[in-house]
Amino acid sequence: MSITAIVPVWNGRELLERLLASVEAQTEPAAELLVVDNGSTDGAPELARARGARVIAMGRNAGFAAAVNRGIRESRGEWIAVLNSDVELAPDYFEKLLAVDVWFATGKILAEGSGNRIDATFDALCRGGAAWRVGNGRADASAFSFARPIWSAPWTAALFRAELFQRVGLLEESFESYLEDVEFGLRCAAQGLAGQYVPEALAWHRGSATLGRWHPETVRRMARNQLLLLARHYPRRLLVGWFWPIFVAQFLWGAVAFRHGAGFAWLRGEWQGLRRFFATRGQALDAKTLISVLSTNEDLIRSVQASTGFDIYWRLYFLLTRGGAK
């Protein structure tokens, strides 16, 4: 079972060095290491070559999705690991993910320097088009410590069967970065190709090391891509039938952006998403499948929020759309 590890990089030489050291230390080693360079200027590509990686130069900052897709097209492994450059893996990370017989897998990713706080586990999307990286910012707890089937893995540190990309396709490059992994997960759900969350596999993530969580560019892309996600995959009758949850989810997310000083970036993203909405309309998912997946996701979000303490966003979302955050 050969593994190709793909690392998109845009500067961050010191972080990349740490990641590559943890890849080299894997008990189940990667047979191929591809570093896809988005125009770094700090010596990151030279470091990668010195550590034995094959460097693929994009020539510009083409975005996360385009860089990953280029790496997938040029990979030779039966399994493909996609890794952010600001991640550090436990030595048995690949070994534990390979032990489960699924289409893709990801582990428990802790926030670096936070003690035991969760950075990522898996993603859950609500009817309104907003996604929660389940557990993000929470203290590690029993809710995040058992394996479960998933439809969407954060591409922070995930392992995929190469065959999956032949069935589902690659990342949607128009998303550039942010929610491109959730969009891919919806396509997996449409075909019943499930993955698994493996909490015994551990990694540590710096998180938003390139731009920052509330950087205007981050907020703009997320606001735009939430709308493009709806445009690509929601059947017309669900866009109409779920108008209120969609409005609530988007409005509340905008309110959070304004609270963090990124309100105008949110408005720009919303405007760009609306302008491209109808041009983006593609093959919508089967309504029955989408209802099943998102209903399950909302139940999960609600359950985990209730057991670990509600964020104000999700408390208000459930209060306004389902009669109370219980």
Protein backbone atom coordinates (compact mmCIF):
# COMPACT_ATOMS: atom_id res chain seq x y z
CA MET A 1 0.00 0.00 0.00
CA SER A 2 2.15 2.84 -1.28
CA ILE A 3 1.52 6.38 -0.02
CA THR A 4 2.10 9.64 -1.85
CA ALA A 5 2.26 12.61 0.53
CA ILE A 6 1.22 15.93 -1.03
CA VAL A 7 2.12 19.19 0.69
CA PRO A 8 0.95 22.49 -0.84
CA VAL A 9 3.21 25.29 0.38
CA TRP A 10 3.35 29.06 0.18
CA ASN A 11 6.33 30.21 2.28
CA GLY A 12 6.57 29.04 5.90
CA ARG A 13 9.97 27.36 5.57
CA GLU A 14 10.36 26.61 9.28
CA LEU A 15 6.90 25.06 9.52
CA LEU A 16 7.55 22.94 6.43
CA GLU A 17 10.80 21.67 7.95
CA ARG A 18 8.94 20.46 11.02
CA LEU A 19 6.26 18.73 8.92
CA LEU A 20 8.81 16.98 6.71
CA ALA A 21 10.64 15.68 9.77
CA SER A 22 7.39 14.15 11.06
CA VAL A 23 6.67 12.60 7.64
CA GLU A 24 10.15 11.06 7.59
CA ALA A 25 9.53 9.57 11.06
CA GLN A 26 6.34 7.69 10.06
CA THR A 27 6.17 4.01 10.95
CA GLU A 28 4.31 3.54 7.65
CA PRO A 29 6.51 5.70 5.40
CA ALA A 30 5.44 7.61 2.33
CA ALA A 31 6.96 6.21 -0.84
CA GLU A 32 6.63 9.56 -2.61
CA LEU A 33 6.73 13.12 -1.31
CA LEU A 34 5.41 15.93 -3.51
CA VAL A 35 5.73 19.55 -2.38
CA VAL A 36 3.60 21.80 -4.59
CA ASP A 37 4.98 25.32 -4.39
CA ASN A 38 2.59 28.25 -4.79
CA GLY A 39 5.35 30.79 -5.43
CA SER A 40 7.29 30.75 -2.15
CA THR A 41 10.08 33.30 -1.69
CA ASP A 42 11.56 32.20 1.64
CA GLY A 43 13.49 29.10 0.58
CA ALA A 44 10.75 26.56 1.29
CA PRO A 45 11.11 24.79 -2.12
CA GLU A 46 14.88 24.52 -1.70
CA LEU A 47 14.43 23.01 1.76
CA ALA A 48 11.95 20.48 0.35
CA ARG A 49 14.37 19.38 -2.38
CA ALA A 50 17.15 19.01 0.16
CA ARG A 51 14.88 16.71 2.21
CA GLY A 52 14.22 14.46 -0.79
CA ALA A 53 10.88 15.84 -2.01
CA ARG A 54 9.94 16.35 -5.61
CA VAL A 55 8.97 20.00 -5.92
CA ILE A 56 6.25 20.99 -8.38
CA ALA A 57 6.33 24.72 -9.10
CA MET A 58 2.96 26.37 -9.74
CA GLY A 59 4.71 29.63 -10.64
CA ARG A 60 2.23 31.73 -8.66
CA ASN A 61 -0.11 31.48 -5.69
CA ALA A 62 -2.77 29.43 -7.47
CA GLY A 63 -4.58 28.53 -4.24
CA PHE A 64 -4.82 25.42 -2.09
CA ALA A 65 -7.25 23.51 -4.32
CA ALA A 66 -5.26 23.99 -7.52
CA ALA A 67 -2.01 23.01 -5.81
CA VAL A 68 -3.50 19.84 -4.31
CA ASN A 69 -5.11 18.88 -7.61
CA ARG A 70 -1.76 19.24 -9.38
CA GLY A 71 -0.18 16.96 -6.81
CA ILE A 72 -2.95 14.36 -7.15
CA ARG A 73 -2.56 14.32 -10.94
CA GLU A 74 1.17 13.67 -10.63
CA SER A 75 1.03 11.17 -7.76
CA ARG A 76 1.78 7.46 -8.14
CA GLY A 77 0.65 6.07 -4.78
CA GLU A 78 -2.33 3.84 -4.06
CA TRP A 79 -3.07 6.17 -1.15
CA ILE A 80 -2.71 9.94 -1.16
CA ALA A 81 -2.03 11.92 2.01
CA VAL A 82 -2.81 15.64 1.81
CA LEU A 83 -1.00 17.63 4.47
CA ASN A 84 -0.96 21.30 5.38
CA SER A 85 2.56 22.61 5.74
CA ASP A 86 1.87 23.80 9.30
CA VAL A 87 1.01 20.32 10.65
CA GLU A 88 3.10 17.92 12.70
CA LEU A 89 2.16 14.22 12.67
CA ALA A 90 2.53 11.63 15.39
CA PRO A 91 4.92 8.88 14.12
CA ASP A 92 2.08 6.35 13.70
CA TYR A 93 -0.38 8.73 12.00
CA PHE A 94 -0.34 7.03 8.59
CA GLU A 95 -0.26 3.57 10.15
CA LYS A 96 -3.42 4.17 12.19
CA LEU A 97 -5.31 5.68 9.23
CA LEU A 98 -4.37 2.77 6.98
CA ALA A 99 -5.75 0.31 9.55
CA VAL A 100 -9.36 1.24 8.66
CA ASP A 101 -10.92 -0.10 5.46
CA VAL A 102 -12.62 3.03 4.12
CA TRP A 103 -12.30 5.50 1.23
CA PHE A 104 -10.62 8.17 3.32
CA ALA A 105 -9.65 8.84 6.90
CA THR A 106 -8.45 11.60 9.19
CA GLY A 107 -7.35 11.73 12.79
CA LYS A 108 -7.72 13.93 15.84
CA ILE A 109 -5.90 17.18 15.10
CA LEU A 110 -5.00 19.23 18.15
CA ALA A 111 -4.23 22.94 18.18
CA GLU A 112 -0.51 23.43 18.64
CA GLY A 113 0.49 25.00 21.93
CA SER A 114 -3.00 24.81 23.42
CA GLY A 115 -2.57 21.81 25.66
CA ASN A 116 -5.46 19.52 24.73
CA ARG A 117 -7.66 21.79 22.60
CA ILE A 118 -9.16 20.44 19.38
CA ASP A 119 -8.27 22.05 16.06
CA ALA A 120 -10.15 19.61 13.81
CA THR A 121 -11.84 16.23 13.74
CA PHE A 122 -14.25 16.21 10.78
CA ASP A 123 -16.66 18.65 9.13
CA ALA A 124 -20.44 18.87 9.48
CA LEU A 125 -22.60 21.07 7.25
CA CYS A 126 -25.96 22.50 8.30
CA ARG A 127 -28.97 23.15 6.05
CA GLY A 128 -28.05 26.83 5.92
CA GLY A 129 -24.75 26.16 4.16
CA ALA A 130 -22.47 26.90 7.13
CA ALA A 131 -20.03 24.21 8.23
CA TRP A 132 -18.63 23.44 11.67
CA ARG A 133 -15.20 21.89 12.02
CA VAL A 134 -16.47 19.68 14.82
CA GLY A 135 -14.79 20.41 18.13
CA ASN A 136 -12.73 23.36 16.93
CA GLY A 137 -11.56 25.32 19.97
CA ARG A 138 -13.04 22.85 22.46
CA ALA A 139 -11.06 21.02 25.12
CA ASP A 140 -10.53 17.40 24.12
CA ALA A 141 -13.33 15.30 25.57
CA SER A 142 -15.09 11.96 25.22
CA ALA A 143 -17.25 13.38 22.40
CA PHE A 144 -14.13 13.47 20.22
CA SER A 145 -12.60 10.19 21.31
CA PHE A 146 -14.50 7.49 19.45
CA ALA A 147 -14.31 6.51 15.79
CA ARG A 148 -17.23 7.33 13.52
CA PRO A 149 -18.06 7.26 9.80
CA ILE A 150 -17.83 10.68 8.14
CA TRP A 151 -18.58 12.29 4.78
CA SER A 152 -16.17 15.22 5.03
CA ALA A 153 -12.60 15.25 6.30
CA PRO A 154 -10.60 18.44 6.80
CA TRP A 155 -7.76 18.30 4.28
CA THR A 156 -5.40 19.45 7.02
CA ALA A 157 -4.02 15.94 7.40
CA ALA A 158 -6.12 13.32 5.62
CA LEU A 159 -5.51 10.09 3.72
CA PHE A 160 -7.47 9.09 0.60
CA ARG A 161 -7.58 6.10 -1.71
CA ALA A 162 -6.30 7.30 -5.07
CA GLU A 163 -9.28 5.58 -6.70
CA LEU A 164 -11.63 7.95 -4.87
CA PHE A 165 -10.56 10.85 -7.11
CA GLN A 166 -11.38 8.83 -10.22
CA ARG A 167 -14.91 8.33 -8.87
CA VAL A 168 -15.62 11.73 -7.34
CA GLY A 169 -13.26 14.09 -9.13
CA LEU A 170 -10.77 16.58 -7.72
CA LEU A 171 -11.20 19.66 -5.56
CA GLU A 172 -13.26 22.51 -7.01
CA GLU A 173 -10.58 25.02 -7.98
CA SER A 174 -12.94 27.99 -8.18
CA PHE A 175 -13.18 27.78 -4.37
CA GLU A 176 -9.39 28.46 -4.15
CA SER A 177 -9.34 27.64 -0.43
CA TYR A 178 -11.93 27.29 2.36
CA LEU A 179 -14.90 24.90 2.09
CA GLU A 180 -13.41 23.13 -0.92
CA ASP A 181 -13.07 20.08 1.36
CA VAL A 182 -16.74 20.31 2.41
CA GLU A 183 -17.79 20.58 -1.24
CA PHE A 184 -15.76 17.44 -2.00
CA GLY A 185 -17.42 15.71 0.95
CA LEU A 186 -20.88 16.36 -0.47
CA ARG A 187 -19.84 14.63 -3.68
CA CYS A 188 -18.61 11.66 -1.65
CA ALA A 189 -21.94 11.53 0.18
CA ALA A 190 -23.83 11.61 -3.11
CA GLN A 191 -22.08 8.38 -4.13
CA GLY A 192 -22.13 6.75 -0.70
CA LEU A 193 -18.32 6.77 -0.41
CA ALA A 194 -17.76 7.23 3.30
CA GLY A 195 -14.63 7.88 5.30
CA GLN A 196 -13.77 7.51 8.97
CA TYR A 197 -12.63 9.69 11.83
CA VAL A 198 -9.83 7.87 13.71
CA PRO A 199 -9.21 9.61 17.05
CA GLU A 200 -6.20 7.43 17.91
CA ALA A 201 -4.28 9.05 15.03
CA LEU A 202 -2.91 12.35 16.36
CA ALA A 203 -1.54 15.46 14.69
CA TRP A 204 -0.88 19.05 15.76
CA HIS A 205 -1.81 22.09 13.67
CA ARG A 206 -0.58 25.67 13.88
CA GLY A 207 -3.83 26.83 12.24
CA SER A 208 -4.34 29.74 9.81
CA ALA A 209 -0.60 30.23 9.67
CA THR A 210 -0.78 31.79 6.20
CA LEU A 211 -3.42 34.50 6.58
CA GLY A 212 -5.16 34.19 9.94
CA ARG A 213 -8.67 33.11 10.87
CA TRP A 214 -10.31 36.54 10.57
CA HIS A 215 -8.08 37.98 7.87
CA PRO A 216 -10.30 39.83 5.35
CA GLU A 217 -9.25 37.50 2.55
CA THR A 218 -10.17 34.44 4.63
CA VAL A 219 -13.60 35.89 5.46
CA ARG A 220 -14.25 36.98 1.86
CA ARG A 221 -13.54 33.52 0.48
CA MET A 222 -15.57 31.74 3.14
CA ALA A 223 -18.59 34.01 2.60
CA ARG A 224 -18.39 33.58 -1.17
CA ASN A 225 -17.85 29.82 -1.02
CA GLN A 226 -20.78 29.22 1.32
CA LEU A 227 -23.07 30.60 -1.37
CA LEU A 228 -21.29 28.72 -4.16
CA LEU A 229 -21.72 25.50 -2.17
CA LEU A 230 -25.47 26.10 -2.14
CA ALA A 231 -25.45 26.96 -5.83
CA ARG A 232 -23.59 23.81 -6.85
CA HIS A 233 -25.40 21.21 -4.78
CA TYR A 234 -28.81 22.32 -3.48
CA PRO A 235 -31.81 21.40 -5.65
CA ARG A 236 -34.11 24.30 -6.40
CA ARG A 237 -36.88 22.99 -4.15
CA LEU A 238 -34.51 22.85 -1.16
CA LEU A 239 -33.18 26.34 -1.87
CA VAL A 240 -36.78 27.47 -1.59
CA GLY A 241 -37.83 25.14 1.20
CA TRP A 242 -34.76 25.90 3.29
CA PHE A 243 -34.73 29.62 2.61
CA TRP A 244 -35.12 30.48 6.30
CA PRO A 245 -32.27 28.25 7.61
CA ILE A 246 -30.07 29.54 4.76
CA PHE A 247 -30.88 33.16 5.59
CA VAL A 248 -30.28 32.60 9.32
CA ALA A 249 -26.98 30.77 8.80
CA GLN A 250 -25.61 33.39 6.43
CA PHE A 251 -26.82 36.39 8.45
CA LEU A 252 -25.42 35.03 11.71
CA TRP A 253 -22.08 34.30 10.06
CA GLY A 254 -21.99 37.87 8.80
CA ALA A 255 -22.72 39.14 12.30
CA VAL A 256 -19.75 37.16 13.62
CA ALA A 257 -17.55 38.60 10.87
CA PHE A 258 -18.60 42.16 11.78
CA ARG A 259 -17.85 41.40 15.42
CA HIS A 260 -14.30 40.48 14.44
CA GLY A 261 -13.81 43.56 12.31
CA ALA A 262 -14.21 41.74 8.99
CA GLY A 263 -17.73 42.80 8.10
CA PHE A 264 -16.86 44.52 4.85
CA ALA A 265 -14.89 41.47 3.71
CA TRP A 266 -18.01 39.38 4.42
CA LEU A 267 -20.12 41.76 2.34
CA ARG A 268 -17.67 41.52 -0.56
CA GLY A 269 -17.76 37.73 -0.38
CA GLU A 270 -21.56 37.66 -0.27
CA TRP A 271 -21.76 39.96 -3.28
CA GLN A 272 -19.28 37.83 -5.24
CA GLY A 273 -21.18 34.66 -4.34
CA LEU A 274 -24.50 36.16 -5.40
CA ARG A 275 -23.06 37.43 -8.69
CA ARG A 276 -21.77 33.96 -9.54
CA PHE A 277 -24.67 32.02 -8.05
CA PHE A 278 -26.67 31.14 -11.17
CA ALA A 279 -23.58 30.69 -13.36
CA THR A 280 -22.32 28.15 -10.78
CA ARG A 281 -25.51 26.08 -10.76
CA GLY A 282 -24.52 22.55 -11.70
CA GLN A 283 -25.68 19.00 -11.09
CA ALA A 284 -27.55 19.34 -7.80
CA LEU A 285 -27.48 16.45 -5.38
CA ASP A 286 -30.47 14.15 -5.01
CA ALA A 287 -32.81 15.93 -2.61
CA LYS A 288 -33.46 12.82 -0.51
CA THR A 289 -29.71 12.21 -0.07
CA LEU A 290 -29.03 15.82 0.83
CA ILE A 291 -31.88 15.93 3.35
CA SER A 292 -30.59 12.75 5.00
CA VAL A 293 -26.96 13.91 5.18
CA LEU A 294 -27.70 17.42 6.44
CA SER A 295 -30.33 16.29 8.94
CA THR A 296 -27.82 13.85 10.40
CA ASN A 297 -25.18 16.59 10.44
CA GLU A 298 -27.46 19.02 12.26
CA ASP A 299 -28.34 16.40 14.87
CA LEU A 300 -24.63 15.76 15.40
CA ILE A 301 -23.75 19.48 15.64
CA ARG A 302 -26.56 20.00 18.12
CA SER A 303 -25.57 16.99 20.21
CA VAL A 304 -21.87 17.89 20.43
CA GLN A 305 -22.64 21.54 21.09
CA ALA A 306 -25.03 20.55 23.88
CA SER A 307 -22.48 18.25 25.52
CA THR A 308 -19.53 20.66 25.29
CA GLY A 309 -21.25 24.05 25.58
CA PHE A 310 -23.08 25.98 22.88
CA ASP A 311 -21.33 28.60 20.78
CA ILE A 312 -23.58 31.64 20.46
CA TYR A 313 -23.70 31.11 16.68
CA TRP A 314 -25.13 27.59 16.92
CA ARG A 315 -27.40 28.42 19.86
CA LEU A 316 -29.03 31.17 17.81
CA TYR A 317 -29.11 29.06 14.64
CA PHE A 318 -31.02 26.23 16.31
CA LEU A 319 -33.19 28.63 18.28
CA LEU A 320 -34.27 30.41 15.10
CA THR A 321 -34.61 27.38 12.83
CA ARG A 322 -35.73 24.45 15.00
CA GLY A 323 -37.47 25.87 18.03
CA GLY A 324 -34.68 26.00 20.58
CA ALA A 325 -31.11 24.88 21.20
CA LYS A 326 -31.68 21.96 23.55
